[in-house]
């Protein structure tokens, strides 16, 4: 056998490390047992005539549909981005030209009054 033989008398450090490991394993085991008990109790809350697999399939289908919808929205947003940029540029140009027109109208009014 390729395994090392078990030493009958571990050193105090090894013994302490083994004890610590044992305590961690016991705590983890208790946690898993508690989770198992809670899962069994939750399972009892489901009526026996309910098809759990159908519910899971429905939820998965709905999640896929929502994911497809989000992906399509991202694609549409990406496709519209150039148009949005063009509109922003036109808007900026429009405001600049409007402000120039406003200035010229203001001067024309001032000149026509005098």
Protein backbone atom coordinates (compact mmCIF):
# COMPACT_ATOMS: atom_id res chain seq x y z
CA UNK A 1 0.00 0.00 0.00
CA UNK A 2 1.15 3.51 -0.78
CA UNK A 3 -0.60 5.09 2.22
CA UNK A 4 1.46 6.15 5.18
CA UNK A 5 0.84 4.16 8.32
CA UNK A 6 -1.13 5.95 11.04
CA UNK A 7 1.12 7.13 13.82
CA UNK A 8 -0.24 6.03 17.18
CA UNK A 9 1.03 9.06 19.10
CA UNK A 10 0.71 12.37 17.23
CA UNK A 11 2.59 15.36 18.52
CA UNK A 12 0.61 17.91 20.58
CA UNK A 13 0.55 20.34 17.63
CA UNK A 14 -0.77 17.65 15.31
CA UNK A 15 -3.33 16.60 17.90
CA UNK A 16 -4.53 20.20 18.30
CA UNK A 17 -4.76 20.63 14.51
CA UNK A 18 -6.73 17.38 14.22
CA UNK A 19 -9.08 18.47 17.02
CA UNK A 20 -9.63 21.82 15.31
CA UNK A 21 -10.33 20.08 11.98
CA UNK A 22 -12.73 17.72 13.73
CA UNK A 23 -14.63 20.65 15.28
CA UNK A 24 -14.90 22.34 11.88
CA UNK A 25 -16.21 19.14 10.31
CA UNK A 26 -18.76 18.69 13.11
CA UNK A 27 -19.96 22.29 12.69
CA UNK A 28 -20.24 21.86 8.93
CA UNK A 29 -22.09 18.55 9.41
CA UNK A 30 -24.57 20.19 11.80
CA UNK A 31 -25.12 23.01 9.30
CA UNK A 32 -25.77 20.54 6.47
CA UNK A 33 -28.16 18.52 8.63
CA UNK A 34 -30.06 21.70 9.53
CA UNK A 35 -30.31 22.66 5.85
CA UNK A 36 -31.55 19.16 5.04
CA UNK A 37 -34.25 19.35 7.72
CA UNK A 38 -35.37 22.79 6.50
CA UNK A 39 -35.52 21.54 2.90
CA UNK A 40 -37.64 18.56 3.93
CA UNK A 41 -40.01 20.85 5.84
CA UNK A 42 -40.27 23.18 2.85
CA UNK A 43 -41.01 20.17 0.66
CA UNK A 44 -43.91 19.21 2.93
CA UNK A 45 -45.47 22.65 2.36
CA UNK A 46 -45.99 21.85 -1.34
CA UNK A 47 -49.34 20.15 -1.94
CA UNK A 48 -49.00 16.62 -3.33
CA UNK A 49 -51.01 17.40 -6.49
CA UNK A 50 -48.61 20.16 -7.60
CA UNK A 51 -46.21 19.24 -10.40
CA UNK A 52 -42.94 20.74 -9.20
CA UNK A 53 -41.16 19.94 -12.45
CA UNK A 54 -43.81 21.86 -14.40
CA UNK A 55 -43.35 24.85 -12.08
CA UNK A 56 -39.59 24.72 -12.55
CA UNK A 57 -40.00 24.47 -16.34
CA UNK A 58 -42.40 27.44 -16.30
CA UNK A 59 -39.98 29.54 -14.27
CA UNK A 60 -37.06 28.63 -16.56
CA UNK A 61 -39.14 29.49 -19.63
CA UNK A 62 -40.10 32.84 -18.12
CA UNK A 63 -36.47 33.57 -17.20
CA UNK A 64 -35.35 32.75 -20.76
CA UNK A 65 -38.07 35.02 -22.15
CA UNK A 66 -36.99 37.86 -19.86
CA UNK A 67 -33.36 37.32 -20.85
CA UNK A 68 -34.26 37.38 -24.55
CA UNK A 69 -36.24 40.57 -24.00
CA UNK A 70 -33.28 42.25 -22.27
CA UNK A 71 -30.92 41.13 -25.04
CA UNK A 72 -33.30 42.46 -27.70
CA UNK A 73 -33.59 45.78 -25.87
CA UNK A 74 -29.79 46.05 -25.74
CA UNK A 75 -29.58 45.31 -29.47
CA UNK A 76 -32.21 47.91 -30.27
CA UNK A 77 -30.46 50.44 -28.09
CA UNK A 78 -27.18 49.67 -29.82
CA UNK A 79 -28.82 49.99 -33.25
CA UNK A 80 -30.43 53.29 -32.29
CA UNK A 81 -27.26 54.77 -30.83
CA UNK A 82 -26.03 56.32 -34.11
CA UNK A 83 -29.45 57.95 -34.63
CA UNK A 84 -29.40 59.28 -31.09
CA UNK A 85 -25.95 60.75 -31.64
CA UNK A 86 -27.13 62.41 -34.86
CA UNK A 87 -30.14 63.89 -33.08
CA UNK A 88 -27.92 65.20 -30.29
CA UNK A 89 -25.67 66.87 -32.86
CA UNK A 90 -28.66 68.36 -34.67
CA UNK A 91 -30.06 69.57 -31.38
CA UNK A 92 -26.76 71.24 -30.49
CA UNK A 93 -26.52 72.80 -33.96
CA UNK A 94 -30.13 73.91 -33.74
CA UNK A 95 -29.60 75.66 -30.41
CA UNK A 96 -26.50 77.38 -31.72
CA UNK A 97 -28.29 78.58 -34.84
CA UNK A 98 -31.31 79.62 -32.80
CA UNK A 99 -29.15 81.62 -30.43
CA UNK A 100 -27.50 83.32 -33.43
CA UNK A 101 -30.92 84.08 -34.91
CA UNK A 102 -32.10 85.42 -31.59
CA UNK A 103 -29.04 87.68 -31.35
CA UNK A 104 -29.57 89.00 -34.86
CA UNK A 105 -33.27 89.62 -34.14
CA UNK A 106 -32.36 91.46 -30.96
CA UNK A 107 -29.98 93.72 -32.90
CA UNK A 108 -32.53 94.28 -35.65
CA UNK A 109 -35.12 95.33 -33.06
CA UNK A 110 -32.62 97.66 -31.40
CA UNK A 111 -31.68 99.20 -34.71
CA UNK A 112 -35.25 99.55 -35.92
CA UNK A 113 -36.35 101.32 -32.70
CA UNK A 114 -33.79 104.09 -33.10
